[in-house]
Amino acid sequence: DKLRTIDKMKSDFYSSMSHELRTPLTSIREGINLLRDGVGGEIPEKQKRLLTILTVEANRLIEVVNSLLDLSKMEAGMMTYAFDKENLGPLVERAMVEMAPLLESRKIRCEQKGFEELPPLRMDGERILQVLRNLIGNAVKFTPAGGRVMVTARQDNQGVEVSVSDTGPGIPPAYLSTIFDKYQQAGASGSYRIKGTGLGLSIAKHIISSHGGKIWAESKPGEGSTFIFVLPA
């Protein structure tokens, strides 16, 4: 009983803090975007690059806040879903557009293929977008400047398989079985580390499992990583 009470207090705190932080952070991000787009007047290219970096960092903070809010919902059993027939292709395009400032700041190409032939799937589009955003974002963060991220899809008798591959340093085998646990980070081999809460992959796993699918990672140190999820067709 005491542990349950502590867990509830923790979830309530995460939820309250997330709601309080999300609105001002979103306003800050939108203000930065307006400045970058020249609403206040034309700005030099150097300042645009600085504003792009600020946008990336604001997005990262919003991602942390959203992850804490989703964690509180997961732990309270209150994660909700709105299932409907949707296409994956437009969701991938949305995720890539949202990632544009991060891609630009790191000079990374993000490409997709195989989504045109897919049938509509029964899913919560916003939740699957959240998974795509997390996987693509992780891939971009772990890929060295000038690298490439590839998002591909194919259909088989198991359903629709989506993979997100990077050209980063890879993940040591010992991490592959635990990176979907809470507070675990997809630690790269060597000293290359990325900021993060370690919650994104845990939330992604919860979302995919709630769709009746599965998610896993494949990697070899020095050869990049691929994160794969399958949704029932």
C-alpha atoms as a PDB file:
ATOM      1  CA  ASP A   1       0.000   0.000   0.000  1.00  0.00           C
ATOM      2  CA  LYS A   2       2.810   2.376   0.868  1.00  0.00           C
ATOM      3  CA  LEU A   3       4.547   1.701  -2.469  1.00  0.00           C
ATOM      4  CA  ARG A   4       1.293   2.291  -4.364  1.00  0.00           C
ATOM      5  CA  THR A   5       0.812   5.576  -2.520  1.00  0.00           C
ATOM      6  CA  ILE A   6       4.344   6.672  -3.393  1.00  0.00           C
ATOM      7  CA  ASP A   7       3.821   5.689  -7.057  1.00  0.00           C
ATOM      8  CA  LYS A   8       0.574   7.676  -7.176  1.00  0.00           C
ATOM      9  CA  MET A   9       2.242  10.716  -5.622  1.00  0.00           C
ATOM     10  CA  LYS A  10       5.045  10.447  -8.183  1.00  0.00           C
ATOM     11  CA  SER A  11       2.596  10.137 -11.092  1.00  0.00           C
ATOM     12  CA  ASP A  12       0.536  13.084  -9.822  1.00  0.00           C
ATOM     13  CA  PHE A  13       3.693  15.177  -9.530  1.00  0.00           C
ATOM     14  CA  TYR A  14       4.838  14.283 -13.067  1.00  0.00           C
ATOM     15  CA  SER A  15       1.399  15.088 -14.453  1.00  0.00           C
ATOM     16  CA  SER A  16       1.102  18.425 -12.649  1.00  0.00           C
ATOM     17  CA  MET A  17       4.632  19.512 -13.527  1.00  0.00           C
ATOM     18  CA  SER A  18       4.190  18.511 -17.174  1.00  0.00           C
ATOM     19  CA  HIS A  19       0.986  20.513 -17.585  1.00  0.00           C
ATOM     20  CA  GLU A  20       2.568  23.575 -15.951  1.00  0.00           C
ATOM     21  CA  LEU A  21       5.659  23.470 -18.174  1.00  0.00           C
ATOM     22  CA  ARG A  22       4.209  22.469 -21.536  1.00  0.00           C
ATOM     23  CA  THR A  23       2.217  25.643 -22.281  1.00  0.00           C
ATOM     24  CA  PRO A  24       5.033  28.182 -21.711  1.00  0.00           C
ATOM     25  CA  LEU A  25       7.558  25.965 -23.502  1.00  0.00           C
ATOM     26  CA  THR A  26       5.269  25.690 -26.525  1.00  0.00           C
ATOM     27  CA  SER A  27       4.838  29.477 -26.561  1.00  0.00           C
ATOM     28  CA  ILE A  28       8.616  29.952 -26.423  1.00  0.00           C
ATOM     29  CA  ARG A  29       9.123  27.536 -29.328  1.00  0.00           C
ATOM     30  CA  GLU A  30       6.482  29.215 -31.487  1.00  0.00           C
ATOM     31  CA  GLY A  31       7.989  32.637 -30.758  1.00  0.00           C
ATOM     32  CA  ILE A  32      11.413  31.394 -31.850  1.00  0.00           C
ATOM     33  CA  ASN A  33       9.918  29.953 -35.049  1.00  0.00           C
ATOM     34  CA  LEU A  34       8.209  33.268 -35.861  1.00  0.00           C
ATOM     35  CA  LEU A  35      11.491  35.126 -35.419  1.00  0.00           C
ATOM     36  CA  ARG A  36      13.310  32.609 -37.609  1.00  0.00           C
ATOM     37  CA  ASP A  37      10.644  32.960 -40.309  1.00  0.00           C
ATOM     38  CA  GLY A  38      11.214  36.722 -40.412  1.00  0.00           C
ATOM     39  CA  VAL A  39       7.935  37.892 -38.859  1.00  0.00           C
ATOM     40  CA  GLY A  40       9.800  40.610 -36.929  1.00  0.00           C
ATOM     41  CA  GLY A  41      11.863  41.564 -39.957  1.00  0.00           C
ATOM     42  CA  GLU A  42      14.598  39.989 -42.051  1.00  0.00           C
ATOM     43  CA  ILE A  43      17.423  38.471 -40.003  1.00  0.00           C
ATOM     44  CA  PRO A  44      20.970  37.474 -41.050  1.00  0.00           C
ATOM     45  CA  GLU A  45      21.803  33.840 -41.798  1.00  0.00           C
ATOM     46  CA  LYS A  46      24.005  33.517 -38.703  1.00  0.00           C
ATOM     47  CA  GLN A  47      21.109  34.503 -36.433  1.00  0.00           C
ATOM     48  CA  LYS A  48      18.866  32.040 -38.279  1.00  0.00           C
ATOM     49  CA  ARG A  49      21.284  29.254 -37.438  1.00  0.00           C
ATOM     50  CA  LEU A  50      21.246  30.278 -33.779  1.00  0.00           C
ATOM     51  CA  LEU A  51      17.434  30.308 -33.770  1.00  0.00           C
ATOM     52  CA  THR A  52      17.439  26.844 -35.347  1.00  0.00           C
ATOM     53  CA  ILE A  53      19.555  25.593 -32.444  1.00  0.00           C
ATOM     54  CA  LEU A  54      17.123  27.215 -29.984  1.00  0.00           C
ATOM     55  CA  THR A  55      14.223  25.487 -31.755  1.00  0.00           C
ATOM     56  CA  VAL A  56      15.962  22.111 -31.432  1.00  0.00           C
ATOM     57  CA  GLU A  57      16.548  22.643 -27.707  1.00  0.00           C
ATOM     58  CA  ALA A  58      12.970  23.859 -27.132  1.00  0.00           C
ATOM     59  CA  ASN A  59      11.668  20.761 -28.922  1.00  0.00           C
ATOM     60  CA  ARG A  60      13.881  18.598 -26.729  1.00  0.00           C
ATOM     61  CA  LEU A  61      12.473  20.155 -23.557  1.00  0.00           C
ATOM     62  CA  ILE A  62       8.897  19.717 -24.806  1.00  0.00           C
ATOM     63  CA  GLU A  63       9.717  16.079 -25.582  1.00  0.00           C
ATOM     64  CA  VAL A  64      10.935  15.595 -21.996  1.00  0.00           C
ATOM     65  CA  VAL A  65       7.763  17.165 -20.594  1.00  0.00           C
ATOM     66  CA  ASN A  66       5.514  15.050 -22.831  1.00  0.00           C
ATOM     67  CA  SER A  67       7.424  11.907 -21.848  1.00  0.00           C
ATOM     68  CA  LEU A  68       6.907  12.630 -18.150  1.00  0.00           C
ATOM     69  CA  LEU A  69       3.195  13.207 -18.753  1.00  0.00           C
ATOM     70  CA  ASP A  70       2.873   9.952 -20.687  1.00  0.00           C
ATOM     71  CA  LEU A  71       4.834   8.118 -17.998  1.00  0.00           C
ATOM     72  CA  SER A  72       2.347   9.256 -15.372  1.00  0.00           C
ATOM     73  CA  LYS A  73      -0.525   8.044 -17.584  1.00  0.00           C
ATOM     74  CA  MET A  74       1.174   4.694 -18.208  1.00  0.00           C
ATOM     75  CA  GLU A  75       1.821   4.076 -14.523  1.00  0.00           C
ATOM     76  CA  ALA A  76      -1.765   5.028 -13.661  1.00  0.00           C
ATOM     77  CA  GLY A  77      -3.171   2.827 -16.451  1.00  0.00           C
ATOM     78  CA  MET A  78      -4.761   5.895 -18.050  1.00  0.00           C
ATOM     79  CA  MET A  79      -3.058   5.992 -21.464  1.00  0.00           C
ATOM     80  CA  THR A  80      -5.918   6.504 -23.945  1.00  0.00           C
ATOM     81  CA  TYR A  81      -6.145   5.591 -27.632  1.00  0.00           C
ATOM     82  CA  ALA A  82      -8.417   6.700 -30.480  1.00  0.00           C
ATOM     83  CA  PHE A  83      -8.258   3.948 -33.107  1.00  0.00           C
ATOM     84  CA  ASP A  84      -9.224   4.593 -36.717  1.00  0.00           C
ATOM     85  CA  LYS A  85      -8.171   3.538 -40.223  1.00  0.00           C
ATOM     86  CA  GLU A  86      -5.176   5.654 -41.228  1.00  0.00           C
ATOM     87  CA  ASN A  87      -2.238   5.635 -43.615  1.00  0.00           C
ATOM     88  CA  LEU A  88       1.318   5.500 -42.297  1.00  0.00           C
ATOM     89  CA  GLY A  89       2.867   7.558 -45.106  1.00  0.00           C
ATOM     90  CA  PRO A  90       1.482  10.974 -44.075  1.00  0.00           C
ATOM     91  CA  LEU A  91       2.519  10.300 -40.470  1.00  0.00           C
ATOM     92  CA  VAL A  92       6.115   9.666 -41.545  1.00  0.00           C
ATOM     93  CA  GLU A  93       6.075  12.882 -43.575  1.00  0.00           C
ATOM     94  CA  ARG A  94       4.778  14.822 -40.561  1.00  0.00           C
ATOM     95  CA  ALA A  95       7.497  13.373 -38.341  1.00  0.00           C
ATOM     96  CA  MET A  96      10.176  14.334 -40.879  1.00  0.00           C
ATOM     97  CA  VAL A  97       8.822  17.887 -41.177  1.00  0.00           C
ATOM     98  CA  GLU A  98       8.874  18.232 -37.389  1.00  0.00           C
ATOM     99  CA  MET A  99      12.457  16.953 -37.355  1.00  0.00           C
ATOM    100  CA  ALA A 100      13.562  19.488 -40.000  1.00  0.00           C
ATOM    101  CA  PRO A 101      15.325  21.872 -37.553  1.00  0.00           C
ATOM    102  CA  LEU A 102      17.253  18.984 -35.980  1.00  0.00           C
ATOM    103  CA  LEU A 103      18.131  17.546 -39.404  1.00  0.00           C
ATOM    104  CA  GLU A 104      19.253  20.974 -40.598  1.00  0.00           C
ATOM    105  CA  SER A 105      21.365  21.643 -37.515  1.00  0.00           C
ATOM    106  CA  ARG A 106      23.198  18.315 -37.909  1.00  0.00           C
ATOM    107  CA  LYS A 107      23.344  18.304 -41.745  1.00  0.00           C
ATOM    108  CA  ILE A 108      21.681  14.873 -41.875  1.00  0.00           C
ATOM    109  CA  ARG A 109      19.546  13.472 -44.707  1.00  0.00           C
ATOM    110  CA  CYS A 110      16.340  11.641 -43.787  1.00  0.00           C
ATOM    111  CA  GLU A 111      14.718   9.521 -46.500  1.00  0.00           C
ATOM    112  CA  GLN A 112      11.700   7.230 -46.683  1.00  0.00           C
ATOM    113  CA  LYS A 113      10.542   4.468 -48.994  1.00  0.00           C
ATOM    114  CA  GLY A 114       7.864   1.795 -49.258  1.00  0.00           C
ATOM    115  CA  PHE A 115       4.965   3.688 -47.695  1.00  0.00           C
ATOM    116  CA  GLU A 116       3.032   4.376 -50.912  1.00  0.00           C
ATOM    117  CA  GLU A 117       1.948   0.742 -51.334  1.00  0.00           C
ATOM    118  CA  LEU A 118       0.708   0.196 -47.780  1.00  0.00           C
ATOM    119  CA  PRO A 119      -2.986  -0.294 -46.969  1.00  0.00           C
ATOM    120  CA  PRO A 120      -4.680   1.826 -44.282  1.00  0.00           C
ATOM    121  CA  LEU A 121      -4.152   0.376 -40.804  1.00  0.00           C
ATOM    122  CA  ARG A 122      -6.290   0.449 -37.677  1.00  0.00           C
ATOM    123  CA  MET A 123      -4.316   2.647 -35.321  1.00  0.00           C
ATOM    124  CA  ASP A 124      -4.194   5.800 -33.234  1.00  0.00           C
ATOM    125  CA  GLY A 125      -2.413   8.078 -35.679  1.00  0.00           C
ATOM    126  CA  GLU A 126      -1.213  10.576 -33.079  1.00  0.00           C
ATOM    127  CA  ARG A 127       0.290   7.814 -30.923  1.00  0.00           C
ATOM    128  CA  ILE A 128       2.025   6.164 -33.883  1.00  0.00           C
ATOM    129  CA  LEU A 129       3.317   9.609 -34.884  1.00  0.00           C
ATOM    130  CA  GLN A 130       4.748   9.817 -31.368  1.00  0.00           C
ATOM    131  CA  VAL A 131       6.590   6.524 -31.926  1.00  0.00           C
ATOM    132  CA  LEU A 132       7.914   7.664 -35.311  1.00  0.00           C
ATOM    133  CA  ARG A 133       8.998  10.995 -33.861  1.00  0.00           C
ATOM    134  CA  ASN A 134      10.904   9.210 -31.108  1.00  0.00           C
ATOM    135  CA  LEU A 135      12.609   6.648 -33.343  1.00  0.00           C
ATOM    136  CA  ILE A 136      13.551   9.133 -36.062  1.00  0.00           C
ATOM    137  CA  GLY A 137      14.696  11.662 -33.457  1.00  0.00           C
ATOM    138  CA  ASN A 138      16.920   9.077 -31.768  1.00  0.00           C
ATOM    139  CA  ALA A 139      18.364   8.008 -35.116  1.00  0.00           C
ATOM    140  CA  VAL A 140      19.183  11.609 -36.028  1.00  0.00           C
ATOM    141  CA  LYS A 141      20.782  12.298 -32.642  1.00  0.00           C
ATOM    142  CA  PHE A 142      23.028   9.238 -32.874  1.00  0.00           C
ATOM    143  CA  THR A 143      24.041   9.837 -36.498  1.00  0.00           C
ATOM    144  CA  PRO A 144      27.210  11.893 -37.032  1.00  0.00           C
ATOM    145  CA  ALA A 145      26.893  15.142 -38.977  1.00  0.00           C
ATOM    146  CA  GLY A 146      26.547  14.492 -42.695  1.00  0.00           C
ATOM    147  CA  GLY A 147      25.073  11.010 -42.180  1.00  0.00           C
ATOM    148  CA  ARG A 148      21.773   9.510 -43.261  1.00  0.00           C
ATOM    149  CA  VAL A 149      18.622   8.168 -41.609  1.00  0.00           C
ATOM    150  CA  MET A 150      16.384   5.794 -43.571  1.00  0.00           C
ATOM    151  CA  VAL A 151      12.724   5.050 -42.777  1.00  0.00           C
ATOM    152  CA  THR A 152      11.367   2.062 -44.708  1.00  0.00           C
ATOM    153  CA  ALA A 153       8.189   0.010 -44.728  1.00  0.00           C
ATOM    154  CA  ARG A 154       7.155  -3.357 -46.093  1.00  0.00           C
ATOM    155  CA  GLN A 155       4.163  -5.637 -45.735  1.00  0.00           C
ATOM    156  CA  ASP A 156       4.267  -9.376 -45.060  1.00  0.00           C
ATOM    157  CA  ASN A 157       1.970 -11.990 -43.545  1.00  0.00           C
ATOM    158  CA  GLN A 158       2.743 -10.667 -40.046  1.00  0.00           C
ATOM    159  CA  GLY A 159       1.508  -7.171 -40.862  1.00  0.00           C
ATOM    160  CA  VAL A 160       3.308  -3.962 -41.751  1.00  0.00           C
ATOM    161  CA  GLU A 161       6.939  -3.625 -40.695  1.00  0.00           C
ATOM    162  CA  VAL A 162       8.502  -0.185 -40.281  1.00  0.00           C
ATOM    163  CA  SER A 163      12.230   0.226 -39.740  1.00  0.00           C
ATOM    164  CA  VAL A 164      14.283   3.295 -38.849  1.00  0.00           C
ATOM    165  CA  SER A 165      17.993   2.892 -39.620  1.00  0.00           C
ATOM    166  CA  ASP A 166      20.882   5.203 -38.849  1.00  0.00           C
ATOM    167  CA  THR A 167      24.563   5.412 -39.743  1.00  0.00           C
ATOM    168  CA  GLY A 168      25.666   6.030 -36.169  1.00  0.00           C
ATOM    169  CA  PRO A 169      28.136   4.160 -33.942  1.00  0.00           C
ATOM    170  CA  GLY A 170      25.746   1.341 -33.080  1.00  0.00           C
ATOM    171  CA  ILE A 171      24.586  -0.126 -29.766  1.00  0.00           C
ATOM    172  CA  PRO A 172      26.576  -2.705 -27.775  1.00  0.00           C
ATOM    173  CA  PRO A 173      24.804  -6.122 -27.678  1.00  0.00           C
ATOM    174  CA  ALA A 174      24.463  -5.953 -23.880  1.00  0.00           C
ATOM    175  CA  TYR A 175      22.147  -2.928 -24.187  1.00  0.00           C
ATOM    176  CA  LEU A 176      19.758  -4.354 -26.786  1.00  0.00           C
ATOM    177  CA  SER A 177      17.669  -6.320 -24.275  1.00  0.00           C
ATOM    178  CA  THR A 178      17.176  -3.377 -21.887  1.00  0.00           C
ATOM    179  CA  ILE A 179      16.882  -0.211 -23.979  1.00  0.00           C
ATOM    180  CA  PHE A 180      13.066  -0.404 -23.957  1.00  0.00           C
ATOM    181  CA  ASP A 181      13.026  -0.356 -20.148  1.00  0.00           C
ATOM    182  CA  LYS A 182      12.214   2.887 -18.348  1.00  0.00           C
ATOM    183  CA  TYR A 183      15.119   5.289 -17.786  1.00  0.00           C
ATOM    184  CA  GLN A 184      17.401   3.278 -20.078  1.00  0.00           C
ATOM    185  CA  GLN A 185      19.152   5.135 -22.891  1.00  0.00           C
ATOM    186  CA  ALA A 186      20.191   3.685 -26.223  1.00  0.00           C
ATOM    187  CA  GLY A 187      23.800   4.072 -25.150  1.00  0.00           C
ATOM    188  CA  ALA A 188      26.178   4.146 -28.021  1.00  0.00           C
ATOM    189  CA  SER A 189      29.450   2.312 -27.949  1.00  0.00           C
ATOM    190  CA  GLY A 190      32.419   4.385 -26.880  1.00  0.00           C
ATOM    191  CA  SER A 191      32.021   7.820 -25.357  1.00  0.00           C
ATOM    192  CA  TYR A 192      29.369   9.168 -27.747  1.00  0.00           C
ATOM    193  CA  ARG A 193      26.390  10.058 -25.551  1.00  0.00           C
ATOM    194  CA  ILE A 194      23.079  11.781 -26.216  1.00  0.00           C
ATOM    195  CA  LYS A 195      20.981  13.794 -23.794  1.00  0.00           C
ATOM    196  CA  GLY A 196      17.625  12.247 -22.905  1.00  0.00           C
ATOM    197  CA  THR A 197      15.335  10.928 -20.203  1.00  0.00           C
ATOM    198  CA  GLY A 198      15.458   7.279 -21.242  1.00  0.00           C
ATOM    199  CA  LEU A 199      11.632   7.259 -21.389  1.00  0.00           C
ATOM    200  CA  GLY A 200      10.942   7.567 -25.122  1.00  0.00           C
ATOM    201  CA  LEU A 201      11.594   3.937 -26.078  1.00  0.00           C
ATOM    202  CA  SER A 202       9.650   2.633 -23.075  1.00  0.00           C
ATOM    203  CA  ILE A 203       6.648   4.731 -24.112  1.00  0.00           C
ATOM    204  CA  ALA A 204       7.061   3.632 -27.750  1.00  0.00           C
ATOM    205  CA  LYS A 205       6.978  -0.010 -26.652  1.00  0.00           C
ATOM    206  CA  HIS A 206       3.805   0.591 -24.632  1.00  0.00           C
ATOM    207  CA  ILE A 207       2.122   2.251 -27.627  1.00  0.00           C
ATOM    208  CA  ILE A 208       3.093  -0.475 -30.102  1.00  0.00           C
ATOM    209  CA  SER A 209       2.062  -3.236 -27.669  1.00  0.00           C
ATOM    210  CA  SER A 210      -1.317  -1.519 -27.213  1.00  0.00           C
ATOM    211  CA  HIS A 211      -1.753  -1.791 -30.991  1.00  0.00           C
ATOM    212  CA  GLY A 212      -1.124  -5.544 -30.860  1.00  0.00           C
ATOM    213  CA  GLY A 213       2.320  -5.096 -32.400  1.00  0.00           C
ATOM    214  CA  LYS A 214       5.918  -5.575 -31.381  1.00  0.00           C
ATOM    215  CA  ILE A 215       9.077  -3.473 -31.415  1.00  0.00           C
ATOM    216  CA  TRP A 216      12.764  -4.317 -31.195  1.00  0.00           C
ATOM    217  CA  ALA A 217      16.243  -3.103 -32.100  1.00  0.00           C
ATOM    218  CA  GLU A 218      19.065  -4.590 -34.157  1.00  0.00           C
ATOM    219  CA  SER A 219      22.597  -3.240 -34.103  1.00  0.00           C
ATOM    220  CA  LYS A 220      26.276  -3.950 -34.412  1.00  0.00           C
ATOM    221  CA  PRO A 221      28.811  -1.543 -32.898  1.00  0.00           C
ATOM    222  CA  GLY A 222      30.343   0.552 -35.639  1.00  0.00           C
ATOM    223  CA  GLU A 223      27.640  -0.337 -38.186  1.00  0.00           C
ATOM    224  CA  GLY A 224      24.647   1.738 -37.088  1.00  0.00           C
ATOM    225  CA  SER A 225      21.331   0.677 -35.571  1.00  0.00           C
ATOM    226  CA  THR A 226      17.871  -0.244 -36.831  1.00  0.00           C
ATOM    227  CA  PHE A 227      14.705   0.054 -34.761  1.00  0.00           C
ATOM    228  CA  ILE A 228      11.810  -1.988 -36.093  1.00  0.00           C
ATOM    229  CA  PHE A 229       8.129  -2.198 -35.220  1.00  0.00           C
ATOM    230  CA  VAL A 230       5.350  -4.310 -36.671  1.00  0.00           C
ATOM    231  CA  LEU A 231       1.657  -3.384 -36.718  1.00  0.00           C
ATOM    232  CA  PRO A 232      -1.085  -5.902 -37.560  1.00  0.00           C
ATOM    233  CA  ALA A 233      -2.525  -5.368 -41.057  1.00  0.00           C
END
